[in-house]
């Protein structure tokens, strides 16, 4: 069975959709509610290294607009600092399967992960 970790907020629709996606396929996921426990800097770095800092920031969020980030030129380190201090800026859910990661709803990628995992087992 694949080891999948979902980082998100309990009340976020995209996070709930990711949990439902895996639950419907009888995949047990490890869920980290970012409101209760912050994402570790090393864990966030893993996502940044694979996707880039800009891919992790939700430019449509209220927190993004309220912080005025649309008008700022931020380098990757500044983006990471903002993401670590304010989980509301993250494009949720963040999903990790081994060394593979996604930000936001990525059901096609998740299906690929499950297909690869099934082919390895069968």
N, C-alpha and C. Protein backbone atom coordinates (compact mmCIF):
# COMPACT_ATOMS: atom_id res chain seq x y z
N UNK A 1 0.84 -1.17 0.00
CA UNK A 1 0.00 0.00 0.00
C UNK A 1 0.89 1.25 0.00
N UNK A 2 0.58 2.22 -0.84
CA UNK A 2 1.41 3.42 -0.93
C UNK A 2 1.32 4.25 0.34
N UNK A 3 2.43 4.89 0.70
CA UNK A 3 2.50 5.77 1.86
C UNK A 3 2.29 7.19 1.36
N UNK A 4 1.10 7.74 1.60
CA UNK A 4 0.74 9.05 1.09
C UNK A 4 0.49 9.98 2.25
N UNK A 5 1.04 11.19 2.15
CA UNK A 5 0.87 12.19 3.18
C UNK A 5 0.18 13.40 2.57
N UNK A 6 -0.88 13.87 3.24
CA UNK A 6 -1.63 15.03 2.78
C UNK A 6 -1.48 16.14 3.82
N UNK A 7 -1.00 17.29 3.37
CA UNK A 7 -0.89 18.48 4.21
C UNK A 7 -1.98 19.44 3.78
N UNK A 8 -2.76 19.91 4.72
CA UNK A 8 -3.82 20.84 4.36
C UNK A 8 -4.54 21.37 5.58
N UNK A 9 -5.66 22.00 5.32
CA UNK A 9 -6.51 22.53 6.37
C UNK A 9 -7.80 21.73 6.37
N UNK A 10 -8.27 21.41 7.56
CA UNK A 10 -9.44 20.56 7.71
C UNK A 10 -10.67 21.12 7.00
N UNK A 11 -10.80 22.45 6.95
CA UNK A 11 -11.99 23.06 6.35
C UNK A 11 -11.79 23.48 4.89
N UNK A 12 -10.66 23.13 4.29
CA UNK A 12 -10.36 23.50 2.91
C UNK A 12 -11.00 22.51 1.95
N UNK A 13 -11.81 22.97 0.98
CA UNK A 13 -12.48 22.06 0.05
C UNK A 13 -11.52 21.19 -0.77
N UNK A 14 -10.40 21.75 -1.20
CA UNK A 14 -9.45 20.98 -2.01
C UNK A 14 -8.79 19.89 -1.17
N UNK A 15 -8.51 20.19 0.10
CA UNK A 15 -7.92 19.19 0.99
C UNK A 15 -8.91 18.06 1.23
N UNK A 16 -10.17 18.42 1.48
CA UNK A 16 -11.20 17.38 1.68
C UNK A 16 -11.36 16.54 0.43
N UNK A 17 -11.27 17.16 -0.75
CA UNK A 17 -11.39 16.41 -2.00
C UNK A 17 -10.24 15.42 -2.16
N UNK A 18 -9.04 15.82 -1.78
CA UNK A 18 -7.89 14.91 -1.86
C UNK A 18 -8.07 13.74 -0.91
N UNK A 19 -8.51 14.01 0.30
CA UNK A 19 -8.75 12.93 1.26
C UNK A 19 -9.82 11.97 0.73
N UNK A 20 -10.88 12.53 0.16
CA UNK A 20 -11.96 11.71 -0.40
C UNK A 20 -11.44 10.87 -1.57
N UNK A 21 -10.61 11.47 -2.43
CA UNK A 21 -10.05 10.75 -3.58
C UNK A 21 -9.35 9.48 -3.12
N UNK A 22 -8.49 9.59 -2.13
CA UNK A 22 -7.74 8.42 -1.65
C UNK A 22 -8.62 7.46 -0.86
N UNK A 23 -9.53 8.01 -0.05
CA UNK A 23 -10.43 7.17 0.73
C UNK A 23 -11.31 6.30 -0.18
N UNK A 24 -11.79 6.88 -1.29
CA UNK A 24 -12.63 6.12 -2.23
C UNK A 24 -11.86 4.97 -2.86
N UNK A 25 -10.56 5.07 -2.89
CA UNK A 25 -9.71 4.01 -3.45
C UNK A 25 -9.10 3.14 -2.35
N UNK A 26 -9.62 3.29 -1.14
CA UNK A 26 -9.20 2.52 0.03
C UNK A 26 -7.70 2.67 0.34
N UNK A 27 -7.21 3.89 0.13
CA UNK A 27 -5.82 4.21 0.45
C UNK A 27 -5.83 5.01 1.76
N UNK A 28 -5.11 4.53 2.73
CA UNK A 28 -4.99 5.23 4.00
C UNK A 28 -3.92 6.31 3.85
N UNK A 29 -4.29 7.53 4.20
CA UNK A 29 -3.33 8.63 4.10
C UNK A 29 -3.02 9.15 5.50
N UNK A 30 -1.85 9.72 5.61
CA UNK A 30 -1.46 10.42 6.82
C UNK A 30 -1.80 11.89 6.59
N UNK A 31 -2.73 12.42 7.39
CA UNK A 31 -3.18 13.80 7.21
C UNK A 31 -2.55 14.69 8.25
N UNK A 32 -2.00 15.82 7.80
CA UNK A 32 -1.42 16.82 8.69
C UNK A 32 -2.25 18.09 8.55
N UNK A 33 -2.99 18.43 9.60
CA UNK A 33 -3.78 19.65 9.60
C UNK A 33 -2.85 20.81 9.94
N UNK A 34 -2.63 21.68 8.98
CA UNK A 34 -1.67 22.77 9.14
C UNK A 34 -2.13 23.83 10.14
N UNK A 35 -3.39 23.77 10.53
CA UNK A 35 -3.86 24.69 11.55
C UNK A 35 -3.40 24.22 12.94
N UNK A 36 -3.27 22.90 13.09
CA UNK A 36 -2.87 22.33 14.37
C UNK A 36 -1.35 22.16 14.46
N UNK A 37 -0.73 21.85 13.34
CA UNK A 37 0.72 21.60 13.33
C UNK A 37 1.31 22.24 12.07
N UNK A 38 2.29 23.09 12.25
CA UNK A 38 2.92 23.75 11.11
C UNK A 38 3.71 22.74 10.29
N UNK A 39 3.85 23.07 9.01
CA UNK A 39 4.69 22.23 8.16
C UNK A 39 6.15 22.49 8.52
N UNK A 40 6.91 21.44 8.61
CA UNK A 40 8.33 21.57 8.97
C UNK A 40 9.08 22.26 7.82
N UNK A 41 10.04 23.10 8.14
CA UNK A 41 10.81 23.78 7.09
C UNK A 41 11.45 22.79 6.10
N UNK A 42 11.96 21.67 6.60
CA UNK A 42 12.58 20.68 5.71
C UNK A 42 11.54 20.06 4.78
N UNK A 43 10.34 19.84 5.29
CA UNK A 43 9.26 19.28 4.46
C UNK A 43 8.85 20.28 3.39
N UNK A 44 8.73 21.54 3.75
CA UNK A 44 8.38 22.57 2.77
C UNK A 44 9.48 22.69 1.72
N UNK A 45 10.73 22.58 2.14
CA UNK A 45 11.86 22.62 1.19
C UNK A 45 11.75 21.51 0.15
N UNK A 46 11.31 20.34 0.58
CA UNK A 46 11.13 19.21 -0.35
C UNK A 46 10.15 19.59 -1.47
N UNK A 47 9.07 20.25 -1.11
CA UNK A 47 8.09 20.69 -2.11
C UNK A 47 8.68 21.79 -2.99
N UNK A 48 9.40 22.73 -2.38
CA UNK A 48 9.99 23.83 -3.14
C UNK A 48 11.02 23.31 -4.14
N UNK A 49 11.85 22.36 -3.73
CA UNK A 49 12.88 21.82 -4.62
C UNK A 49 12.28 21.14 -5.84
N UNK A 50 11.13 20.50 -5.68
CA UNK A 50 10.54 19.76 -6.79
C UNK A 50 9.58 20.59 -7.63
N UNK A 51 8.88 21.54 -7.00
CA UNK A 51 7.86 22.30 -7.72
C UNK A 51 8.21 23.78 -7.92
N UNK A 52 9.10 24.29 -7.09
CA UNK A 52 9.40 25.73 -7.12
C UNK A 52 8.52 26.45 -6.11
N UNK A 53 9.04 27.51 -5.54
CA UNK A 53 8.32 28.24 -4.49
C UNK A 53 7.05 28.87 -5.02
N UNK A 54 7.08 29.40 -6.22
CA UNK A 54 5.91 30.06 -6.81
C UNK A 54 4.74 29.09 -7.00
N UNK A 55 5.02 27.83 -7.26
CA UNK A 55 3.96 26.84 -7.47
C UNK A 55 3.22 26.53 -6.17
N UNK A 56 3.81 26.86 -5.04
CA UNK A 56 3.20 26.55 -3.75
C UNK A 56 2.33 27.66 -3.20
N UNK A 57 2.42 28.84 -3.78
CA UNK A 57 1.66 29.97 -3.26
C UNK A 57 0.33 30.08 -4.00
N UNK A 58 -0.74 30.23 -3.23
CA UNK A 58 -2.08 30.33 -3.81
C UNK A 58 -2.39 31.80 -4.08
N UNK A 59 -2.24 32.19 -5.33
CA UNK A 59 -2.42 33.59 -5.71
C UNK A 59 -3.88 34.01 -5.74
N UNK A 60 -4.80 33.06 -5.56
CA UNK A 60 -6.23 33.40 -5.54
C UNK A 60 -6.76 33.49 -4.11
N UNK A 61 -5.91 33.26 -3.12
CA UNK A 61 -6.38 33.24 -1.73
C UNK A 61 -6.58 34.65 -1.19
N UNK A 62 -7.46 34.74 -0.20
CA UNK A 62 -7.70 36.00 0.49
C UNK A 62 -6.43 36.45 1.21
N UNK A 63 -5.71 35.52 1.80
CA UNK A 63 -4.47 35.86 2.51
C UNK A 63 -3.45 36.49 1.57
N UNK A 64 -3.38 36.01 0.34
CA UNK A 64 -2.46 36.55 -0.67
C UNK A 64 -2.83 37.99 -0.99
N UNK A 65 -4.12 38.22 -1.22
CA UNK A 65 -4.59 39.58 -1.54
C UNK A 65 -4.40 40.51 -0.36
N UNK A 66 -4.76 40.04 0.85
CA UNK A 66 -4.65 40.88 2.05
C UNK A 66 -3.20 41.29 2.34
N UNK A 67 -2.26 40.40 2.04
CA UNK A 67 -0.84 40.70 2.28
C UNK A 67 -0.26 41.57 1.17
N UNK A 68 -1.00 41.80 0.10
CA UNK A 68 -0.51 42.64 -1.00
C UNK A 68 0.63 42.00 -1.77
N UNK A 69 0.68 40.67 -1.77
CA UNK A 69 1.81 39.99 -2.40
C UNK A 69 1.81 40.08 -3.92
N UNK A 70 0.67 40.39 -4.51
CA UNK A 70 0.60 40.54 -5.95
C UNK A 70 1.43 41.70 -6.47
N UNK A 71 1.74 42.63 -5.59
CA UNK A 71 2.49 43.82 -5.98
C UNK A 71 3.97 43.75 -5.62
N UNK A 72 4.37 42.64 -5.01
CA UNK A 72 5.75 42.51 -4.54
C UNK A 72 6.55 41.55 -5.42
N UNK A 73 7.82 41.83 -5.55
CA UNK A 73 8.75 40.93 -6.21
C UNK A 73 9.48 40.15 -5.12
N UNK A 74 9.11 38.90 -4.93
CA UNK A 74 9.70 38.09 -3.88
C UNK A 74 10.58 37.01 -4.49
N UNK A 75 11.76 36.80 -3.90
CA UNK A 75 12.57 35.68 -4.36
C UNK A 75 12.09 34.41 -3.63
N UNK A 76 12.64 33.27 -4.00
CA UNK A 76 12.17 32.01 -3.44
C UNK A 76 12.30 31.94 -1.92
N UNK A 77 13.38 32.46 -1.38
CA UNK A 77 13.57 32.43 0.08
C UNK A 77 12.50 33.26 0.80
N UNK A 78 12.15 34.40 0.23
CA UNK A 78 11.11 35.23 0.83
C UNK A 78 9.75 34.56 0.74
N UNK A 79 9.48 33.89 -0.37
CA UNK A 79 8.23 33.15 -0.51
C UNK A 79 8.15 32.05 0.53
N UNK A 80 9.24 31.30 0.69
CA UNK A 80 9.27 30.21 1.67
C UNK A 80 9.04 30.75 3.08
N UNK A 81 9.66 31.86 3.41
CA UNK A 81 9.47 32.47 4.73
C UNK A 81 8.01 32.82 4.96
N UNK A 82 7.38 33.40 3.95
CA UNK A 82 5.95 33.75 4.07
C UNK A 82 5.09 32.51 4.21
N UNK A 83 5.41 31.46 3.46
CA UNK A 83 4.63 30.23 3.53
C UNK A 83 4.76 29.56 4.90
N UNK A 84 5.95 29.62 5.47
CA UNK A 84 6.16 29.02 6.80
C UNK A 84 5.40 29.76 7.89
N UNK A 85 5.24 31.06 7.73
CA UNK A 85 4.56 31.84 8.76
C UNK A 85 3.05 31.91 8.56
N UNK A 86 2.58 31.65 7.35
CA UNK A 86 1.14 31.75 7.08
C UNK A 86 0.69 30.61 6.16
N UNK A 87 0.13 29.56 6.74
CA UNK A 87 -0.31 28.40 5.97
C UNK A 87 -1.45 28.73 5.02
N UNK A 88 -2.15 29.83 5.25
CA UNK A 88 -3.25 30.24 4.38
C UNK A 88 -2.76 30.64 2.99
N UNK A 89 -1.47 30.88 2.84
CA UNK A 89 -0.91 31.25 1.54
C UNK A 89 -0.61 30.04 0.66
N UNK A 90 -0.61 28.86 1.26
CA UNK A 90 -0.26 27.64 0.52
C UNK A 90 -1.35 27.22 -0.45
N UNK A 91 -0.93 26.74 -1.61
CA UNK A 91 -1.86 26.11 -2.55
C UNK A 91 -2.09 24.69 -2.02
N UNK A 92 -3.27 24.47 -1.51
CA UNK A 92 -3.58 23.20 -0.85
C UNK A 92 -4.38 22.28 -1.74
N UNK A 93 -4.30 21.01 -1.52
CA UNK A 93 -3.46 20.33 -0.54
C UNK A 93 -2.06 20.10 -1.09
N UNK A 94 -1.12 19.94 -0.18
CA UNK A 94 0.22 19.47 -0.54
C UNK A 94 0.19 17.96 -0.31
N UNK A 95 0.51 17.19 -1.33
CA UNK A 95 0.44 15.74 -1.22
C UNK A 95 1.81 15.16 -1.57
N UNK A 96 2.26 14.22 -0.74
CA UNK A 96 3.57 13.59 -0.95
C UNK A 96 3.41 12.08 -1.00
N UNK A 97 4.03 11.50 -2.01
CA UNK A 97 4.10 10.05 -2.16
C UNK A 97 5.56 9.70 -2.42
N UNK A 98 6.26 9.25 -1.38
CA UNK A 98 7.69 9.00 -1.52
C UNK A 98 8.41 10.31 -1.81
N UNK A 99 9.09 10.36 -2.94
CA UNK A 99 9.78 11.58 -3.35
C UNK A 99 8.96 12.42 -4.32
N UNK A 100 7.78 11.96 -4.67
CA UNK A 100 6.90 12.69 -5.58
C UNK A 100 5.99 13.62 -4.78
N UNK A 101 5.73 14.81 -5.30
CA UNK A 101 4.89 15.78 -4.60
C UNK A 101 3.97 16.50 -5.58
N UNK A 102 2.85 16.98 -5.04
CA UNK A 102 1.95 17.84 -5.81
C UNK A 102 1.46 18.96 -4.91
N UNK A 103 1.07 20.06 -5.52
CA UNK A 103 0.45 21.18 -4.81
C UNK A 103 -0.87 21.48 -5.50
N UNK A 104 -1.94 21.52 -4.74
CA UNK A 104 -3.26 21.73 -5.31
C UNK A 104 -3.86 20.41 -5.75
N UNK A 105 -5.05 20.49 -6.32
CA UNK A 105 -5.73 19.27 -6.78
C UNK A 105 -5.03 18.75 -8.02
N UNK A 106 -4.57 17.52 -7.95
CA UNK A 106 -3.82 16.92 -9.05
C UNK A 106 -4.22 15.45 -9.20
N UNK A 107 -5.50 15.23 -9.43
CA UNK A 107 -6.03 13.86 -9.45
C UNK A 107 -5.38 12.99 -10.53
N UNK A 108 -5.03 13.57 -11.67
CA UNK A 108 -4.39 12.78 -12.72
C UNK A 108 -3.04 12.24 -12.24
N UNK A 109 -2.28 13.07 -11.56
CA UNK A 109 -0.99 12.64 -11.02
C UNK A 109 -1.19 11.59 -9.94
N UNK A 110 -2.17 11.78 -9.07
CA UNK A 110 -2.44 10.82 -8.01
C UNK A 110 -2.84 9.46 -8.59
N UNK A 111 -3.63 9.48 -9.67
CA UNK A 111 -4.00 8.22 -10.33
C UNK A 111 -2.77 7.50 -10.86
N UNK A 112 -1.84 8.27 -11.44
CA UNK A 112 -0.59 7.71 -11.95
C UNK A 112 0.20 7.06 -10.81
N UNK A 113 0.29 7.74 -9.67
CA UNK A 113 0.99 7.17 -8.53
C UNK A 113 0.39 5.83 -8.13
N UNK A 114 -0.94 5.79 -8.06
CA UNK A 114 -1.61 4.56 -7.63
C UNK A 114 -1.44 3.45 -8.66
N UNK A 115 -1.45 3.80 -9.94
CA UNK A 115 -1.25 2.81 -11.00
C UNK A 115 0.16 2.23 -10.94
N UNK A 116 1.14 3.08 -10.73
CA UNK A 116 2.53 2.62 -10.62
C UNK A 116 2.69 1.73 -9.39
N UNK A 117 2.08 2.16 -8.28
CA UNK A 117 2.15 1.38 -7.05
C UNK A 117 1.49 0.01 -7.24
N UNK A 118 0.36 -0.03 -7.92
CA UNK A 118 -0.34 -1.30 -8.16
C UNK A 118 0.47 -2.22 -9.06
N UNK A 119 1.13 -1.64 -10.08
CA UNK A 119 1.93 -2.47 -10.99
C UNK A 119 3.16 -3.06 -10.29
N UNK A 120 3.70 -2.32 -9.31
CA UNK A 120 4.85 -2.83 -8.56
C UNK A 120 4.43 -3.98 -7.64
N UNK A 121 3.21 -3.90 -7.11
CA UNK A 121 2.73 -4.93 -6.20
C UNK A 121 2.25 -6.16 -6.94
N UNK A 122 1.71 -5.95 -8.12
CA UNK A 122 1.09 -7.07 -8.85
C UNK A 122 2.00 -7.62 -9.84
